[in-house]
Protein backbone atom coordinates (compact mmCIF):
# COMPACT_ATOMS: atom_id res chain seq x y z
CA MET A 1 57.22 -0.83 10.91
CA THR A 2 58.81 1.46 13.74
CA LYS A 3 57.26 1.85 17.10
CA LYS A 4 56.29 5.39 15.89
CA ASN A 5 54.27 3.92 13.03
CA LEU A 6 52.53 1.68 14.93
CA ASN A 7 51.82 4.25 17.38
CA ASP A 8 50.25 6.56 14.49
CA LEU A 9 48.30 3.71 13.12
CA ALA A 10 46.76 2.92 16.54
CA PHE A 11 45.88 6.67 16.94
CA LEU A 12 44.44 6.94 13.45
CA LYS A 13 42.35 3.72 13.99
CA GLN A 14 40.71 4.98 17.10
CA GLN A 15 39.52 8.52 15.91
CA GLU A 16 35.71 9.14 15.18
CA ILE A 17 36.42 8.74 11.44
CA PRO A 18 39.16 6.04 11.55
CA GLY A 19 42.18 6.11 9.54
CA PRO A 20 44.61 6.00 7.96
CA PHE A 21 43.17 7.86 4.99
CA THR A 22 43.54 6.31 1.72
CA SER A 23 42.06 8.68 -0.83
CA SER A 24 41.38 12.45 -1.24
CA ALA A 25 37.71 11.89 -0.86
CA GLU A 26 38.20 10.31 2.60
CA ILE A 27 40.27 13.59 3.46
CA LEU A 28 37.38 15.72 2.36
CA GLU A 29 34.82 13.72 4.09
CA PHE A 30 37.04 14.46 7.28
CA MET A 31 37.44 18.12 6.61
CA SER A 32 33.88 18.71 6.44
CA SER A 33 32.89 16.52 9.27
CA CYS A 34 34.10 19.02 11.99
CA PRO A 35 35.38 22.59 12.51
CA SER A 36 38.95 23.74 12.63
CA SER A 37 40.67 22.89 15.87
CA LYS A 38 44.09 22.03 17.32
CA GLU A 39 42.69 18.12 17.29
CA LYS A 40 42.13 18.40 13.68
CA ASN A 41 45.23 19.65 12.98
CA LYS A 42 46.84 17.06 14.87
CA ARG A 43 44.94 14.67 13.24
CA MET A 44 46.16 15.67 9.63
CA TYR A 45 49.71 16.16 10.90
CA VAL A 46 49.85 12.30 11.89
CA GLU A 47 48.07 11.20 8.83
CA VAL A 48 50.91 13.21 6.82
CA ARG A 49 53.41 11.75 8.96
CA TYR A 50 52.07 8.34 8.61
CA ALA A 51 51.95 8.31 5.04
CA LYS A 52 55.39 9.83 4.63
CA GLU A 53 56.84 6.87 6.85
CA SER A 54 54.74 4.06 4.99
CA SER A 55 55.19 5.44 1.42
CA SER A 56 57.04 3.17 -0.92
CA SER A 57 56.58 5.49 -4.19
CA LEU A 58 58.08 8.90 -2.82
CA LYS A 59 61.19 9.76 -1.02
CA ARG A 60 60.39 10.88 2.60
CA THR A 61 61.75 14.54 1.78
CA ALA A 62 58.84 14.97 -0.96
CA ALA A 63 57.36 18.50 -0.29
CA VAL A 64 53.85 16.68 0.13
CA PHE A 65 55.20 15.15 3.18
CA LYS A 66 56.20 18.61 4.80
CA LEU A 67 55.30 18.45 8.34
CA LYS A 68 56.68 21.86 9.59
CA ASN A 69 57.71 25.30 8.55
CA GLY A 70 60.10 27.26 10.73
CA GLY A 71 59.57 25.01 13.75
CA GLN A 72 55.76 25.28 13.48
CA ASN A 73 52.89 23.00 12.29
CA LEU A 74 51.45 23.66 9.02
CA ALA A 75 48.10 25.05 8.60
CA THR A 76 45.49 22.11 8.61
CA GLU A 77 44.60 23.19 4.97
CA ASP A 78 48.20 22.75 3.71
CA TYR A 79 48.28 19.00 5.10
CA THR A 80 44.99 18.50 3.50
CA THR A 81 46.23 19.96 0.13
CA ASN A 82 49.63 18.08 0.27
CA LEU A 83 48.24 14.78 1.21
CA GLY A 84 45.46 14.92 -1.62
CA LYS A 85 48.21 15.71 -3.92
CA TYR A 86 49.97 12.43 -2.68
CA PHE A 87 46.84 10.53 -3.15
CA ASP A 88 45.91 11.99 -6.47
CA SER A 89 49.42 11.09 -7.69
CA ALA A 90 49.94 7.71 -6.47
CA LYS A 91 49.13 4.93 -8.81
CA SER A 92 48.28 1.09 -8.31
CA CYS A 93 48.67 -1.95 -10.23
CA SER A 94 46.15 -4.52 -9.56
CA THR A 95 47.06 -7.16 -12.30
CA LEU A 96 50.47 -8.63 -13.29
CA THR A 97 50.96 -9.85 -16.72
CA ILE A 98 53.09 -12.53 -17.75
CA GLY A 99 55.14 -9.78 -20.02
CA ASP A 100 55.30 -7.92 -16.84
CA LEU A 101 56.97 -10.50 -15.03
CA ASN A 102 59.01 -11.55 -17.70
CA ASN A 103 60.44 -7.85 -17.99
CA VAL A 104 61.20 -8.02 -14.12
CA LEU A 105 62.88 -11.37 -14.40
CA THR A 106 64.66 -9.98 -17.39
CA GLY A 107 66.01 -6.83 -15.83
CA LEU A 108 67.01 -8.73 -12.37
CA LYS A 109 68.93 -11.30 -14.64
CA GLY A 110 70.72 -8.19 -15.88
CA GLU A 111 71.55 -6.99 -12.64
CA LEU A 112 72.82 -10.10 -11.14
CA ARG A 113 75.48 -10.39 -13.68
């Protein structure tokens, strides 16, 4: 993790509603908790930047990680929509079967030749 990532993580953990967000529901809760402001926009900017830097499933150039347009920060709602799309499309695998492991090892064996 880079120093910027660690600073972003520390910032997000210190917020009234601690982050980083991990679901669309958390984003919606935050958005309804306080009125629009520069601080709210900054929080969402940092949330998107943190997700961008820590994502292993999407390239950093993915549209959902866009931070600025014409040198200006996006609207808070744009950050909210983009980050929500990212979380809604993210998939996780909580179990690994013997078949899954066999497929991985077979694939690695083929690459090692």
